[in-house]
N, C-alpha and C. Protein backbone atom coordinates (compact mmCIF):
# COMPACT_ATOMS: atom_id res chain seq x y z
N UNK A 1 156.75 25.45 204.05
CA UNK A 1 156.17 24.78 202.68
C UNK A 1 155.04 23.78 203.32
N UNK A 2 156.19 23.47 204.45
CA UNK A 2 154.76 21.91 205.18
C UNK A 2 153.28 22.69 205.97
N UNK A 3 152.48 23.81 205.99
CA UNK A 3 151.88 24.51 206.73
C UNK A 3 151.01 24.93 206.03
N UNK A 4 151.90 25.68 204.69
CA UNK A 4 151.02 25.39 203.52
C UNK A 4 150.17 24.13 203.03
N UNK A 5 150.94 23.02 202.66
CA UNK A 5 150.62 21.84 202.61
C UNK A 5 149.16 21.31 203.27
N UNK A 6 149.62 21.48 204.85
CA UNK A 6 148.14 20.74 205.78
C UNK A 6 147.07 21.99 206.38
N UNK A 7 147.56 23.25 205.57
CA UNK A 7 146.16 23.91 205.24
C UNK A 7 145.54 23.73 204.05
N UNK A 8 146.00 23.08 202.92
CA UNK A 8 145.63 22.87 201.84
C UNK A 8 144.73 21.19 202.62
N UNK A 9 145.46 20.50 202.48
CA UNK A 9 145.20 18.94 203.09
C UNK A 9 144.00 19.22 204.36
N UNK A 10 143.62 19.94 205.42
CA UNK A 10 142.66 20.27 205.91
C UNK A 10 141.37 20.68 205.60
N UNK A 11 141.65 21.29 205.05
CA UNK A 11 140.56 22.69 203.97
C UNK A 11 139.96 21.34 202.24
N UNK A 12 140.87 20.08 202.21
CA UNK A 12 139.97 19.23 201.55
C UNK A 12 140.28 17.88 202.19
N UNK A 13 140.11 17.98 203.59
CA UNK A 13 139.19 16.37 204.21
C UNK A 13 138.15 17.40 204.84
N UNK A 14 138.06 18.30 204.93
CA UNK A 14 136.63 19.62 205.57
C UNK A 14 135.95 19.34 204.34
N UNK A 15 136.21 19.74 203.38
CA UNK A 15 134.97 19.79 202.13
C UNK A 15 134.60 18.42 202.11
N UNK A 16 135.34 17.48 202.06
CA UNK A 16 135.28 15.90 201.72
C UNK A 16 134.07 15.72 203.15
N UNK A 17 134.34 16.49 204.14
CA UNK A 17 133.53 15.51 204.84
C UNK A 17 131.56 16.24 204.51
N UNK A 18 131.72 17.87 204.60
CA UNK A 18 130.66 18.20 204.27
C UNK A 18 130.09 18.49 203.17
N UNK A 19 129.84 17.67 202.13
CA UNK A 19 130.34 16.84 200.61
C UNK A 19 129.28 15.77 200.75
N UNK A 20 130.47 14.56 202.51
CA UNK A 20 129.34 13.29 201.86
C UNK A 20 128.56 13.94 202.59
N UNK A 21 128.22 14.76 204.03
CA UNK A 21 126.76 15.20 204.81
C UNK A 21 126.09 15.41 204.08
N UNK A 22 126.46 16.16 202.26
CA UNK A 22 124.83 16.81 201.82
C UNK A 22 124.62 16.31 201.08
N UNK A 23 125.42 14.56 200.37
CA UNK A 23 125.15 13.57 199.45
C UNK A 23 124.62 12.24 200.37
N UNK A 24 124.87 12.27 201.71
CA UNK A 24 124.45 11.23 202.37
C UNK A 24 122.91 12.10 202.79
N UNK A 25 122.48 12.83 203.46
CA UNK A 25 121.13 13.73 203.57
C UNK A 25 120.66 14.00 201.84
N UNK A 26 121.11 13.75 201.15
CA UNK A 26 120.23 14.02 199.56
C UNK A 26 119.96 12.80 199.27
N UNK A 27 120.51 11.60 199.53
CA UNK A 27 120.05 10.18 199.22
C UNK A 27 118.93 10.00 200.20
N UNK A 28 119.41 10.09 201.89
CA UNK A 28 118.28 9.75 202.12
C UNK A 28 116.65 10.81 201.50
N UNK A 29 117.45 11.24 201.39
CA UNK A 29 115.57 11.90 201.20
C UNK A 29 114.88 12.41 200.57
N UNK A 30 115.98 11.54 198.71
CA UNK A 30 115.44 10.52 197.74
C UNK A 30 114.75 10.05 198.10
N UNK A 31 115.10 8.56 198.95
CA UNK A 31 114.88 7.54 198.71
C UNK A 31 113.36 6.92 199.91
N UNK A 32 113.82 8.77 200.80
CA UNK A 32 112.22 8.15 202.05
C UNK A 32 110.90 8.13 201.39
N UNK A 33 110.43 7.36 201.78
CA UNK A 33 109.19 7.08 201.65
C UNK A 33 107.71 7.96 201.82
N UNK A 34 107.70 8.05 202.72
CA UNK A 34 107.81 8.99 203.64
C UNK A 34 107.36 10.69 203.70
N UNK A 35 107.63 10.56 203.30
CA UNK A 35 107.77 12.11 202.57
C UNK A 35 106.73 13.28 201.97
N UNK A 36 106.26 13.95 201.20
CA UNK A 36 105.54 14.76 201.55
C UNK A 36 105.78 14.76 199.63
N UNK A 37 104.63 14.93 198.94
CA UNK A 37 104.73 15.05 197.40
C UNK A 37 105.14 16.05 197.29
N UNK A 38 105.52 16.15 196.28
CA UNK A 38 106.14 17.55 196.03
C UNK A 38 105.54 18.73 195.17
N UNK A 39 103.75 18.14 194.57
CA UNK A 39 103.06 19.26 194.13
C UNK A 39 101.97 19.22 195.51
N UNK A 40 102.39 19.27 196.86
CA UNK A 40 102.27 19.77 198.05
C UNK A 40 103.23 20.73 198.46
N UNK A 41 104.10 20.92 198.29
CA UNK A 41 105.63 22.00 198.33
C UNK A 41 104.62 23.12 198.29
N UNK A 42 105.01 24.42 198.97
CA UNK A 42 104.73 25.66 199.13
C UNK A 42 104.78 27.02 197.51
N UNK A 43 105.71 25.87 197.46
CA UNK A 43 105.98 27.61 196.00
C UNK A 43 105.31 26.47 194.79
N UNK A 44 104.10 25.43 194.19
CA UNK A 44 104.19 24.77 193.26
C UNK A 44 102.99 25.13 193.61
N UNK A 45 102.13 25.22 191.89
CA UNK A 45 101.05 25.54 192.36
C UNK A 45 99.87 24.27 192.25
N UNK A 46 98.86 23.96 193.25
CA UNK A 46 97.89 22.90 192.82
C UNK A 46 97.30 23.07 191.86
N UNK A 47 96.89 21.79 191.20
CA UNK A 47 95.66 21.74 189.47
C UNK A 47 95.08 21.51 190.60
N UNK A 48 93.73 21.49 189.53
CA UNK A 48 91.90 21.26 189.94
C UNK A 48 91.89 19.66 189.09
N UNK A 49 90.76 19.33 189.65
CA UNK A 49 90.24 17.82 189.19
C UNK A 49 89.20 18.26 188.09
N UNK A 50 89.46 18.88 186.85
CA UNK A 50 88.60 19.46 186.00
C UNK A 50 87.05 19.22 186.17
N UNK A 51 87.10 17.87 186.12
CA UNK A 51 85.71 17.62 186.39
C UNK A 51 84.46 17.99 187.84
N UNK A 52 85.43 18.23 188.34
CA UNK A 52 84.88 19.45 189.69
C UNK A 52 84.72 20.58 188.99
N UNK A 53 85.52 21.20 188.44
CA UNK A 53 85.98 22.81 188.27
C UNK A 53 84.95 22.68 186.75
N UNK A 54 84.26 21.59 186.28
CA UNK A 54 83.56 22.05 185.69
C UNK A 54 81.91 21.88 186.49
N UNK A 55 81.98 20.72 187.78
CA UNK A 55 80.63 21.08 188.48
C UNK A 55 80.53 21.96 189.40
N UNK A 56 81.61 22.08 189.34
CA UNK A 56 81.17 24.27 190.70
C UNK A 56 81.13 25.09 189.92
N UNK A 57 81.47 25.38 188.38
CA UNK A 57 80.70 26.20 187.37
C UNK A 57 79.96 25.83 186.86
N UNK A 58 78.86 24.81 186.34
CA UNK A 58 77.73 24.92 186.36
C UNK A 58 76.76 24.71 187.84
N UNK A 59 77.06 24.71 188.47
CA UNK A 59 77.05 25.28 189.86
C UNK A 59 76.37 26.84 190.06
N UNK A 60 77.16 27.61 190.10
CA UNK A 60 77.86 28.94 189.70
C UNK A 60 75.84 29.38 188.72
N UNK A 61 76.19 28.28 187.65
CA UNK A 61 75.71 29.17 186.39
C UNK A 61 73.94 28.77 186.69
N UNK A 62 73.87 27.74 187.44
CA UNK A 62 72.27 27.16 187.52
C UNK A 62 72.19 27.97 188.59
N UNK A 63 72.97 28.73 189.31
CA UNK A 63 72.61 29.32 191.35
C UNK A 63 72.45 31.35 190.29
N UNK A 64 73.44 31.45 189.20
CA UNK A 64 72.39 32.80 188.66
C UNK A 64 70.94 32.44 187.60
N UNK A 65 70.76 31.52 187.07
CA UNK A 65 69.61 30.86 186.40
C UNK A 65 68.42 31.22 187.08
N UNK A 66 68.72 30.24 188.45
CA UNK A 66 67.40 30.56 189.34
C UNK A 66 67.68 32.34 189.99
N UNK A 67 68.78 32.78 190.01
CA UNK A 67 67.97 33.94 189.97
C UNK A 67 67.60 34.90 189.02
N UNK A 68 67.68 34.63 187.75
CA UNK A 68 67.00 35.37 187.15
C UNK A 68 66.35 34.98 186.82
N UNK A 69 65.84 33.87 187.41
CA UNK A 69 64.53 33.79 186.31
C UNK A 69 63.47 34.18 188.45
N UNK A 70 64.13 34.63 189.37
CA UNK A 70 63.19 34.78 190.41
C UNK A 70 63.25 36.50 189.67
N UNK A 71 63.63 36.70 189.25
CA UNK A 71 63.87 38.40 189.08
C UNK A 71 63.07 38.28 188.44
N UNK A 72 62.79 37.61 186.89
CA UNK A 72 61.96 37.82 185.73
C UNK A 72 60.41 37.84 186.24
N UNK A 73 60.07 37.18 187.69
CA UNK A 73 58.83 36.84 188.46
C UNK A 73 58.76 37.97 188.99
N UNK A 74 58.90 38.51 190.14
CA UNK A 74 59.37 39.77 190.28
C UNK A 74 58.76 40.90 189.09
N UNK A 75 59.87 40.94 188.21
CA UNK A 75 59.67 42.01 186.82
C UNK A 75 58.17 41.68 186.15
N UNK A 76 57.66 40.10 186.01
CA UNK A 76 55.99 40.13 185.74
C UNK A 76 55.27 40.16 187.06
N UNK A 77 55.40 39.84 187.99
CA UNK A 77 54.70 40.94 189.32
C UNK A 77 54.66 42.22 189.01
N UNK A 78 55.43 43.09 188.79
CA UNK A 78 55.05 44.30 188.77
C UNK A 78 54.44 44.70 187.53
N UNK A 79 54.70 44.15 186.22
CA UNK A 79 54.45 44.65 185.25
C UNK A 79 52.90 44.74 185.25
N UNK A 80 51.98 43.14 185.72
CA UNK A 80 50.74 42.73 186.28
C UNK A 80 50.43 44.27 186.83
N UNK A 81 50.98 44.41 187.97
CA UNK A 81 50.00 45.69 189.04
C UNK A 81 50.09 46.86 188.30
N UNK A 82 51.61 47.10 187.92
CA UNK A 82 51.05 48.88 185.89
C UNK A 82 49.86 48.32 185.63
N UNK A 83 49.53 46.97 185.07
CA UNK A 83 49.02 47.04 183.90
C UNK A 83 47.18 47.16 184.14
N UNK A 84 47.38 46.69 185.89
CA UNK A 84 45.88 46.73 186.72
C UNK A 84 45.76 47.99 186.66
N UNK A 85 46.67 49.00 186.83
CA UNK A 85 46.36 50.08 187.55
C UNK A 85 46.05 51.45 186.78
N UNK A 86 46.54 50.94 184.75
CA UNK A 86 46.42 51.75 184.36
C UNK A 86 45.28 51.25 183.63
N UNK A 87 44.61 49.98 183.93
CA UNK A 87 43.25 49.89 183.70
C UNK A 87 42.35 50.12 184.48
N UNK A 88 42.51 50.19 185.53
CA UNK A 88 41.60 51.25 186.57
C UNK A 88 41.75 52.92 186.37
N UNK A 89 42.75 52.90 185.61
CA UNK A 89 42.80 54.73 185.45
C UNK A 89 42.30 54.67 184.00
N UNK A 90 42.11 54.04 183.50
CA UNK A 90 41.29 54.31 182.04
C UNK A 90 39.56 54.15 182.13
N UNK A 91 39.56 53.25 182.79
CA UNK A 91 38.09 53.28 183.48
C UNK A 91 37.72 54.42 183.61
N UNK A 92 38.41 55.13 185.06
CA UNK A 92 38.50 56.18 185.58
C UNK A 92 38.12 57.06 184.83
N UNK A 93 38.74 57.06 183.91
CA UNK A 93 38.74 57.98 182.63
C UNK A 93 37.51 58.27 182.08
N UNK A 94 37.47 56.94 181.51
CA UNK A 94 35.63 56.27 180.28
C UNK A 94 34.57 57.59 181.38
N UNK A 95 34.96 57.33 182.96
CA UNK A 95 33.36 57.13 183.52
C UNK A 95 33.09 58.52 183.02
N UNK A 96 34.27 59.49 183.05
CA UNK A 96 34.44 60.90 184.02
C UNK A 96 34.08 61.41 182.91
N UNK A 97 34.57 60.81 181.34
CA UNK A 97 34.23 61.41 179.84
C UNK A 97 32.64 61.52 179.96
N UNK A 98 31.73 60.13 180.43
CA UNK A 98 30.40 60.28 180.06
C UNK A 98 29.78 61.04 181.18
N UNK A 99 30.13 61.24 181.65
CA UNK A 99 29.84 62.27 183.37
C UNK A 99 29.57 63.73 182.55
N UNK A 100 30.98 64.08 181.86
CA UNK A 100 30.89 64.98 181.43
C UNK A 100 29.99 65.52 179.96
N UNK A 101 30.22 63.85 178.91
CA UNK A 101 29.11 64.07 178.04
C UNK A 101 27.84 64.32 178.55
N UNK A 102 27.15 63.80 179.24
CA UNK A 102 25.86 63.44 180.40
C UNK A 102 25.24 65.15 180.29
N UNK A 103 26.45 66.01 181.43
CA UNK A 103 26.65 67.44 181.97
C UNK A 103 26.21 67.63 180.46
N UNK A 104 26.93 67.78 179.10
CA UNK A 104 27.26 68.94 178.30
C UNK A 104 25.76 68.27 177.50
N UNK A 105 25.19 67.34 177.75
CA UNK A 105 23.71 67.14 176.90
C UNK A 105 22.37 67.91 177.22
N UNK A 106 23.01 67.84 178.84
CA UNK A 106 20.98 68.73 179.78
C UNK A 106 22.07 69.50 180.00
N UNK A 107 23.07 70.14 179.09
CA UNK A 107 23.27 71.96 179.25
C UNK A 107 23.58 72.63 180.85
N UNK A 108 24.76 72.07 181.63
CA UNK A 108 25.00 71.96 182.51
C UNK A 108 26.35 73.13 182.63
N UNK A 109 26.98 72.13 181.38
CA UNK A 109 28.45 72.46 180.83
C UNK A 109 28.37 72.66 179.52
N UNK A 110 29.43 73.35 179.10
CA UNK A 110 29.57 73.90 177.49
C UNK A 110 31.26 73.72 177.33
N UNK A 111 31.63 72.40 176.44
CA UNK A 111 33.48 72.52 176.02
C UNK A 111 33.21 72.71 174.58
N UNK A 112 33.97 73.40 174.47
CA UNK A 112 34.54 74.19 173.40
C UNK A 112 35.61 73.36 172.21
N UNK A 113 36.08 73.19 171.60
CA UNK A 113 37.15 72.62 170.60
C UNK A 113 38.24 72.57 170.92
N UNK A 114 38.45 72.96 172.03
CA UNK A 114 39.92 72.98 172.83
C UNK A 114 40.05 72.38 173.92
N UNK A 115 38.72 72.14 174.68
CA UNK A 115 38.50 71.22 175.44
C UNK A 115 38.39 72.20 176.83
N UNK A 116 38.31 72.93 176.90
CA UNK A 116 37.49 73.78 177.61
C UNK A 116 36.01 74.38 178.07
N UNK A 117 35.96 74.04 179.48
CA UNK A 117 34.88 74.18 179.76
C UNK A 117 34.32 75.09 180.38
N UNK A 118 33.00 75.30 180.61
CA UNK A 118 32.01 76.29 180.92
C UNK A 118 30.72 76.33 181.35
N UNK A 119 30.50 77.37 181.93
CA UNK A 119 29.32 76.94 182.66
C UNK A 119 28.50 77.93 182.16
N UNK A 120 27.27 77.74 181.59
CA UNK A 120 26.31 78.79 181.23
C UNK A 120 26.14 79.38 182.29
N UNK A 121 25.70 80.68 182.09
CA UNK A 121 24.49 81.68 183.29
C UNK A 121 25.66 82.34 184.49
N UNK A 122 27.40 82.07 184.00
CA UNK A 122 28.01 82.06 185.18
C UNK A 122 28.73 83.24 184.32
C-alpha cells in the first residue's frame, strides 16, 4: 500500500509542477506588453478600413468609366468613318444614275421597267 500512496503522491506532485508551469507561462504571456496583437494572428481575418475600401472601389469605378469613355470615342470615330464612306458611296451612285439618264436621253442605251439596260442596234 505504501507503493500505491507513493505513486499517487508522485503523480500529484508532477501534475502540480506541470500545472504551475502552465500557469506561470500563461500569466507571463498575458502580461507581456511586447506581444503581437491578436488581430494579426494567422487564424484571424483582418478588417480593412471602410474609408480606404470605398476609395479603392471609387478608383476602380473611375478607371472603368475612363475605359468606357475611351471605347465610346473609338465607336464614335468608327461611326463617323462609316458615315463618310456611306456618303461617298451615295455620291458615286448618284453620278452613275446621272450618267445612265444622260445615255438614255441620247439614245445610247434603253432602260426597261425592270431596270435592265439594252444597247440598241446590237
